[in-house]
Amino acid sequence: MQIPIEQFELLVQQAYWDLPESVRDTLDNLDIVVEDFPGPEAEGSFDSHDHEHGGTLLGLYVGVPLVERHSADPLMPDCIYIYRLPILSMCDTHDEVVREVRTTLLHEIGHYLGLSEQDLDRLGYA
């Protein structure tokens, strides 16, 4: 499956805007970045979500989850990375890409909100 990065970014934006407003309102000081492949930010990151997809990292949350924040925490934005080429390599159709982008974004937002891998698995976002 081939989708240019600009169109893929639009899929990520659409997945974001499809979130309930109440969820979007909690996403404060959070960047969402599309990269072709994991970079240095992903070093040492490998969780059960990756195992389900043959060891491929599809997305990554980097930051301090909301439930662990304290008033003295730095104000640098947290970041969710969505990795375009690994997602495209596992999808055969445009609809599959849309579903995987949504699932990956929700999975990483779950980490931002403080959900564990087990929580995300129970919710169907692992």
Protein backbone atom coordinates (compact mmCIF):
# COMPACT_ATOMS: atom_id res chain seq x y z
CA MET A 1 0.00 0.00 0.00
CA GLN A 2 1.35 3.41 -0.95
CA ILE A 3 0.11 6.69 0.51
CA PRO A 4 2.21 9.86 0.26
CA ILE A 5 3.17 11.39 3.60
CA GLU A 6 0.91 14.43 3.05
CA GLN A 7 -2.14 12.21 2.58
CA PHE A 8 -1.12 10.01 5.50
CA GLU A 9 -0.85 13.10 7.71
CA LEU A 10 -4.41 13.98 6.71
CA LEU A 11 -5.54 10.50 7.85
CA VAL A 12 -3.89 11.12 11.23
CA GLN A 13 -5.53 14.55 11.45
CA GLN A 14 -8.91 13.02 10.62
CA ALA A 15 -8.44 10.34 13.28
CA TYR A 16 -7.66 13.11 15.76
CA TRP A 17 -10.72 15.18 14.82
CA ASP A 18 -12.91 12.07 14.98
CA LEU A 19 -12.10 11.77 18.68
CA PRO A 20 -14.85 12.94 21.04
CA GLU A 21 -14.38 16.59 21.95
CA SER A 22 -14.09 15.61 25.62
CA VAL A 23 -11.02 13.49 24.76
CA ARG A 24 -9.46 16.16 22.55
CA ASP A 25 -9.91 18.66 25.38
CA THR A 26 -7.65 16.55 27.62
CA LEU A 27 -4.82 16.53 25.06
CA ASP A 28 -2.97 19.58 26.32
CA ASN A 29 0.62 20.36 25.32
CA LEU A 30 0.81 17.31 23.05
CA ASP A 31 2.34 17.14 19.59
CA ILE A 32 1.39 14.44 17.08
CA VAL A 33 4.14 13.78 14.55
CA VAL A 34 4.18 11.51 11.50
CA GLU A 35 7.53 9.93 10.64
CA ASP A 36 8.31 7.32 8.01
CA PHE A 37 10.15 5.06 10.48
CA PRO A 38 11.04 5.11 14.18
CA GLY A 39 14.05 7.28 14.92
CA PRO A 40 16.15 7.96 18.00
CA GLU A 41 13.02 8.70 20.05
CA ALA A 42 12.12 5.01 19.82
CA GLU A 43 15.38 3.59 21.13
CA GLY A 44 14.57 0.98 23.77
CA SER A 45 10.83 1.12 23.07
CA PHE A 46 9.19 -2.21 22.39
CA ASP A 47 5.89 -3.19 23.96
CA SER A 48 3.17 -5.78 23.52
CA HIS A 49 1.48 -3.69 20.81
CA ASP A 50 4.62 -4.15 18.73
CA HIS A 51 4.67 -7.91 19.31
CA GLU A 52 1.16 -8.25 17.87
CA HIS A 53 2.37 -6.70 14.62
CA GLY A 54 5.44 -8.85 14.10
CA GLY A 55 7.77 -6.66 16.09
CA THR A 56 6.98 -3.50 14.13
CA LEU A 57 6.66 -0.25 16.04
CA LEU A 58 3.62 1.60 14.66
CA GLY A 59 3.47 4.47 17.11
CA LEU A 60 5.10 5.79 20.25
CA TYR A 61 4.16 8.09 23.11
CA VAL A 62 7.04 10.07 24.60
CA GLY A 63 6.32 12.07 27.72
CA VAL A 64 4.88 11.97 31.20
CA PRO A 65 1.37 10.47 31.39
CA LEU A 66 -1.29 12.77 32.81
CA VAL A 67 -1.77 10.58 35.89
CA GLU A 68 1.94 10.92 36.79
CA ARG A 69 2.28 14.68 36.38
CA HIS A 70 3.07 17.07 39.16
CA SER A 71 2.98 20.84 39.14
CA ALA A 72 6.78 21.01 38.90
CA ASP A 73 6.93 18.91 35.71
CA PRO A 74 8.57 20.60 32.70
CA LEU A 75 6.36 22.36 30.20
CA MET A 76 7.93 20.78 27.12
CA PRO A 77 5.23 19.15 25.00
CA ASP A 78 4.70 15.42 25.08
CA CYS A 79 4.76 13.76 21.68
CA ILE A 80 2.95 10.96 19.89
CA TYR A 81 4.81 9.57 16.91
CA ILE A 82 2.88 7.72 14.20
CA TYR A 83 5.12 5.68 11.88
CA ARG A 84 3.80 5.74 8.31
CA LEU A 85 5.78 3.04 6.49
CA PRO A 86 5.34 0.29 9.12
CA ILE A 87 1.58 0.93 9.09
CA LEU A 88 1.44 0.93 5.30
CA SER A 89 3.48 -2.28 5.10
CA MET A 90 0.91 -4.18 7.15
CA CYS A 91 -2.18 -2.88 5.33
CA ASP A 92 -3.58 -3.99 1.97
CA THR A 93 -6.38 -1.46 1.56
CA HIS A 94 -7.06 2.19 2.27
CA ASP A 95 -9.73 1.20 4.82
CA GLU A 96 -7.18 -0.94 6.69
CA VAL A 97 -4.79 2.03 6.81
CA VAL A 98 -7.55 4.27 8.18
CA ARG A 99 -8.39 1.67 10.87
CA GLU A 100 -4.74 1.12 11.85
CA VAL A 101 -4.01 4.85 12.03
CA ARG A 102 -7.02 5.30 14.30
CA THR A 103 -6.11 2.31 16.49
CA THR A 104 -2.47 3.39 16.76
CA LEU A 105 -3.41 6.97 17.62
CA LEU A 106 -5.91 5.79 20.25
CA HIS A 107 -3.31 3.39 21.68
CA GLU A 108 -0.75 6.17 22.11
CA ILE A 109 -3.34 8.61 23.48
CA GLY A 110 -4.19 5.89 25.98
CA HIS A 111 -0.57 5.94 27.17
CA TYR A 112 -0.72 9.75 27.40
CA LEU A 113 -3.80 9.38 29.61
CA GLY A 114 -1.99 6.82 31.78
CA LEU A 115 -3.46 3.55 30.52
CA SER A 116 -1.29 0.45 30.67
CA GLU A 117 -0.84 -2.11 27.90
CA GLN A 118 -3.28 -4.37 29.77
CA ASP A 119 -5.87 -1.57 29.93
CA LEU A 120 -5.46 -0.90 26.21
CA ASP A 121 -5.73 -4.61 25.42
CA ARG A 122 -9.02 -4.84 27.36
CA LEU A 123 -10.32 -1.84 25.40
CA GLY A 124 -9.28 -3.37 22.07
CA TYR A 125 -6.47 -0.91 21.32
CA ALA A 126 -3.45 -3.14 21.84
